[in-house]
Structure formats: structure tokens, C-alpha cells
Amino acid sequence: MAPELGRKRLELLKEALPNVSRVAVLWSTGNLTHPAQWRELEAAARVLGVQLHPLEVQNPNELDSIFAAMTRAGAEALITLADPVLWNHRTRVVELTAQRRLPAMFPEREFADAGGFMAYGPSVPDSFRRAAVYVDRILKGAKPGDLPVEQPTQIDLVINLKTAKALGITMPPTLLMRADEVIK
């Protein structure tokens, strides 16, 4: 859902890091939403003059070797695609970005809460609240097939200023003003 958010994530990352030219993109294999997300990122990369380096995770145990490959490839930053595998291992992903001093843009605020540099994406708590409305409707007799599919409506930009400082990054004031939350 919402593959166009990948474009916006790359734009925000480029705004925070204007000199970045090589960005690794981490995703897990088998996720059917990733081709659409990848196409959006590629289109944005062409416009922004950024070279993307895709890296696929088949097994969470591969994260250490994937991050080593990222370093060897000269990645200057990282974007992760929205994915349950990466979500479940977000603490480890954030730890690896910190170890390699790699600024990263994530699809959910929980990555920034765990110490990640930036996150831009749908609010997970808001999505849970919306799901509760659906459950309520179904329990009151609505047929699930008759209910509309909703796209996320609350999109949050979260900047972890503590991580930015640790990475030696001075955040543009205009970006900080647009943030829904700045973690200090």
C-alpha cells in the first residue's frame, strides 16, 4: 500500500543529506509490494541524481553480511522498504546502521524510536485504530467484502536528532519544522 511514499522518503533523505549520491535499498524477498515500491524509488532516484544499490534479505540471519556488502559497495545512506521481516528485526537493523555510521530512512516511526535516523510513513497506531472500526462494523453485521479498502491517512515524519548528531549531520531547519516529531 502507498508505494509512492518511497519517492517521498528518498526526497526527504536527499534534503537531509544534499550530497548523498549512493543509497542502498534494503528489502526482503517475496514481498509482493516491493516491485511497486522499487519502481517509485527508481523514478525518484533518476530525478534526484541518486544511484540505488538494492540488497535483498532472504533470512534475518543474513543482516550482518548484507550490511557488510553495503559498506563494500560504498553506500552513503540506506532506505528500507516496508516489510514485516525488517519490522520484526528493526532493533538489529538500527544497530547495524549505527555501527556503520549509516544514515537511514525507514518506513515506520518505530525505527526512529529505536534509534534510527529518520522515518516517514503511515502511523501504525492510527492503522490499528482504523482496523478497530472495521472490526466494530463486522461485529455489528457488516459484510467484510462490502467494506471499502482504505489507504493510510496519517503519515508521520519523525527525525531522530540524537542520531543525527551522533552521525555528525546538521539537519536543515526547514526539514525539522516539517517533522511531526523530533526525537531529542
Protein backbone atom coordinates (compact mmCIF):
# COMPACT_ATOMS: atom_id res chain seq x y z
CA MET A 1 0.00 0.00 0.00
CA ALA A 2 1.12 3.55 -0.77
CA PRO A 3 4.22 2.78 -2.90
CA GLU A 4 4.52 6.49 -3.71
CA LEU A 5 5.80 7.04 -0.19
CA GLY A 6 9.15 5.60 -1.33
CA ARG A 7 9.61 8.60 -3.60
CA LYS A 8 8.92 10.98 -0.73
CA ARG A 9 11.29 9.07 1.58
CA LEU A 10 14.12 9.46 -0.92
CA GLU A 11 13.33 13.17 -1.39
CA LEU A 12 13.40 13.74 2.38
CA LEU A 13 16.64 11.79 2.74
CA LYS A 14 18.21 13.84 -0.04
CA GLU A 15 17.01 17.05 1.64
CA ALA A 16 18.68 15.98 4.89
CA LEU A 17 21.82 14.81 3.07
CA PRO A 18 22.15 17.00 -0.06
CA ASN A 19 25.48 15.46 -1.09
CA VAL A 20 24.35 11.83 -0.91
CA SER A 21 24.71 10.06 -4.24
CA ARG A 22 24.72 6.33 -3.41
CA VAL A 23 21.83 4.88 -1.42
CA ALA A 24 21.39 1.23 -0.50
CA VAL A 25 17.82 -0.10 -0.54
CA LEU A 26 17.06 -2.98 1.81
CA TRP A 27 14.07 -5.26 1.30
CA SER A 28 13.12 -8.84 1.90
CA THR A 29 12.47 -11.31 -0.88
CA GLY A 30 8.97 -12.50 -1.55
CA ASN A 31 7.19 -9.29 -0.55
CA LEU A 32 4.68 -8.61 -3.34
CA THR A 33 4.57 -4.86 -2.63
CA HIS A 34 8.28 -4.33 -3.25
CA PRO A 35 8.26 -4.14 -7.07
CA ALA A 36 5.90 -1.14 -6.95
CA GLN A 37 7.94 0.46 -4.15
CA TRP A 38 11.15 -0.15 -6.13
CA ARG A 39 9.73 1.48 -9.30
CA GLU A 40 8.80 4.58 -7.32
CA LEU A 41 12.29 4.77 -5.80
CA GLU A 42 13.97 4.34 -9.19
CA ALA A 43 11.92 7.17 -10.68
CA ALA A 44 12.79 9.46 -7.78
CA ALA A 45 16.47 8.47 -7.91
CA ARG A 46 16.73 9.47 -11.57
CA VAL A 47 15.30 12.92 -10.81
CA LEU A 48 17.45 13.41 -7.69
CA GLY A 49 20.69 12.12 -9.22
CA VAL A 50 21.00 9.25 -6.76
CA GLN A 51 22.32 5.79 -7.56
CA LEU A 52 20.41 2.99 -5.83
CA HIS A 53 22.03 -0.25 -4.68
CA PRO A 54 19.37 -2.93 -3.98
CA LEU A 55 20.03 -5.53 -1.29
CA GLU A 56 17.65 -8.38 -0.56
CA VAL A 57 17.21 -10.15 2.75
CA GLN A 58 16.09 -13.76 2.49
CA ASN A 59 16.76 -14.57 6.10
CA PRO A 60 17.23 -12.18 9.06
CA ASN A 61 20.43 -14.06 9.93
CA GLU A 62 21.94 -12.52 6.78
CA LEU A 63 21.67 -8.95 8.05
CA ASP A 64 25.31 -8.75 9.20
CA SER A 65 26.66 -9.92 5.84
CA ILE A 66 24.23 -7.68 3.94
CA PHE A 67 25.38 -4.64 5.87
CA ALA A 68 29.00 -5.62 5.20
CA ALA A 69 28.16 -5.77 1.46
CA MET A 70 26.51 -2.37 1.77
CA THR A 71 29.70 -0.93 3.21
CA ARG A 72 31.83 -2.52 0.48
CA ALA A 73 29.51 -1.07 -2.17
CA GLY A 74 30.14 2.43 -0.80
CA ALA A 75 26.61 3.15 0.34
CA GLU A 76 26.33 6.61 1.87
CA ALA A 77 22.81 6.11 3.21
CA LEU A 78 20.08 3.48 3.44
CA ILE A 79 16.37 3.22 2.76
CA THR A 80 14.43 0.18 3.91
CA LEU A 81 11.19 -0.82 2.26
CA ALA A 82 8.12 -1.52 4.36
CA ASP A 83 8.29 -5.18 5.24
CA PRO A 84 7.27 -7.45 8.15
CA VAL A 85 10.68 -9.19 8.25
CA LEU A 86 12.53 -5.90 8.63
CA TRP A 87 9.88 -4.64 11.06
CA ASN A 88 10.36 -7.67 13.29
CA HIS A 89 14.14 -7.13 13.26
CA ARG A 90 14.11 -3.32 13.38
CA THR A 91 16.27 -3.14 16.51
CA ARG A 92 19.01 -5.14 14.80
CA VAL A 93 18.70 -3.12 11.58
CA VAL A 94 19.03 0.14 13.55
CA GLU A 95 22.02 -1.25 15.48
CA LEU A 96 23.76 -2.15 12.21
CA THR A 97 23.18 1.31 10.74
CA ALA A 98 24.63 2.86 13.90
CA GLN A 99 27.68 0.57 13.85
CA ARG A 100 28.40 1.59 10.26
CA ARG A 101 27.50 5.26 10.85
CA LEU A 102 24.99 5.00 8.04
CA PRO A 103 22.08 7.45 7.99
CA ALA A 104 18.89 5.59 7.18
CA MET A 105 15.32 6.43 6.22
CA PHE A 106 12.74 3.97 7.48
CA PRO A 107 9.08 3.37 6.62
CA GLU A 108 7.75 3.42 10.18
CA ARG A 109 8.33 5.72 13.14
CA GLU A 110 9.13 2.76 15.38
CA PHE A 111 12.53 2.53 13.65
CA ALA A 112 13.26 6.15 14.66
CA ASP A 113 12.04 5.37 18.18
CA ALA A 114 14.60 2.53 18.24
CA GLY A 115 17.40 4.98 17.28
CA GLY A 116 17.07 5.19 13.50
CA PHE A 117 17.88 8.49 11.75
CA MET A 118 14.57 9.28 10.04
CA ALA A 119 11.19 7.68 9.37
CA TYR A 120 8.38 8.64 7.05
CA GLY A 121 5.30 6.52 6.76
CA PRO A 122 1.86 5.56 7.93
CA SER A 123 1.14 5.73 11.63
CA VAL A 124 0.91 2.15 12.92
CA PRO A 125 -1.24 3.13 15.95
CA ASP A 126 -3.61 5.04 13.65
CA SER A 127 -3.86 1.99 11.38
CA PHE A 128 -4.75 -0.17 14.41
CA ARG A 129 -7.45 2.33 15.39
CA ARG A 130 -8.86 2.18 11.84
CA ALA A 131 -8.80 -1.64 12.00
CA ALA A 132 -10.83 -1.50 15.22
CA VAL A 133 -13.51 0.47 13.37
CA TYR A 134 -13.69 -2.33 10.79
CA VAL A 135 -13.96 -4.99 13.49
CA ASP A 136 -16.74 -3.00 15.09
CA ARG A 137 -18.64 -2.78 11.80
CA ILE A 138 -18.24 -6.52 11.16
CA LEU A 139 -19.40 -7.40 14.66
CA LYS A 140 -22.46 -5.23 14.04
CA GLY A 141 -23.30 -7.26 10.91
CA ALA A 142 -21.45 -5.60 8.03
CA LYS A 143 -20.09 -7.98 5.40
CA PRO A 144 -16.29 -7.70 5.13
CA GLY A 145 -16.49 -7.78 1.33
CA ASP A 146 -18.75 -4.72 1.37
CA LEU A 147 -16.33 -2.59 3.38
CA PRO A 148 -14.02 -0.28 1.40
CA VAL A 149 -10.25 -0.75 1.43
CA GLU A 150 -8.64 2.32 2.98
CA GLN A 151 -5.22 3.78 2.36
CA PRO A 152 -3.38 5.17 5.38
CA THR A 153 -4.40 8.73 6.13
CA GLN A 154 -1.93 9.72 8.84
CA ILE A 155 1.64 9.89 7.52
CA ASP A 156 4.32 10.87 10.05
CA LEU A 157 7.79 12.32 9.55
CA VAL A 158 9.95 11.53 12.57
CA ILE A 159 13.54 12.74 12.86
CA ASN A 160 15.87 11.37 15.49
CA LEU A 161 18.02 14.42 16.21
CA LYS A 162 20.08 12.47 18.73
CA THR A 163 21.09 10.04 15.96
CA ALA A 164 21.70 12.89 13.51
CA LYS A 165 24.11 14.49 16.00
CA ALA A 166 25.87 11.17 16.59
CA LEU A 167 26.34 10.89 12.81
CA GLY A 168 27.61 14.48 12.57
CA ILE A 169 24.62 15.59 10.49
CA THR A 170 23.21 19.08 10.84
CA MET A 171 19.54 18.90 9.96
CA PRO A 172 18.10 21.66 7.78
CA PRO A 173 15.74 23.82 9.87
CA THR A 174 13.07 23.61 7.17
CA LEU A 175 13.04 19.81 7.50
CA LEU A 176 12.89 19.98 11.29
CA MET A 177 9.90 22.36 11.09
CA ARG A 178 8.00 19.91 8.86
CA ALA A 179 8.63 16.96 11.17
CA ASP A 180 5.67 15.59 13.10
CA GLU A 181 8.11 14.67 15.85
CA VAL A 182 11.76 15.39 16.57
CA ILE A 183 13.39 12.94 18.97
CA LYS A 184 15.95 14.75 21.10
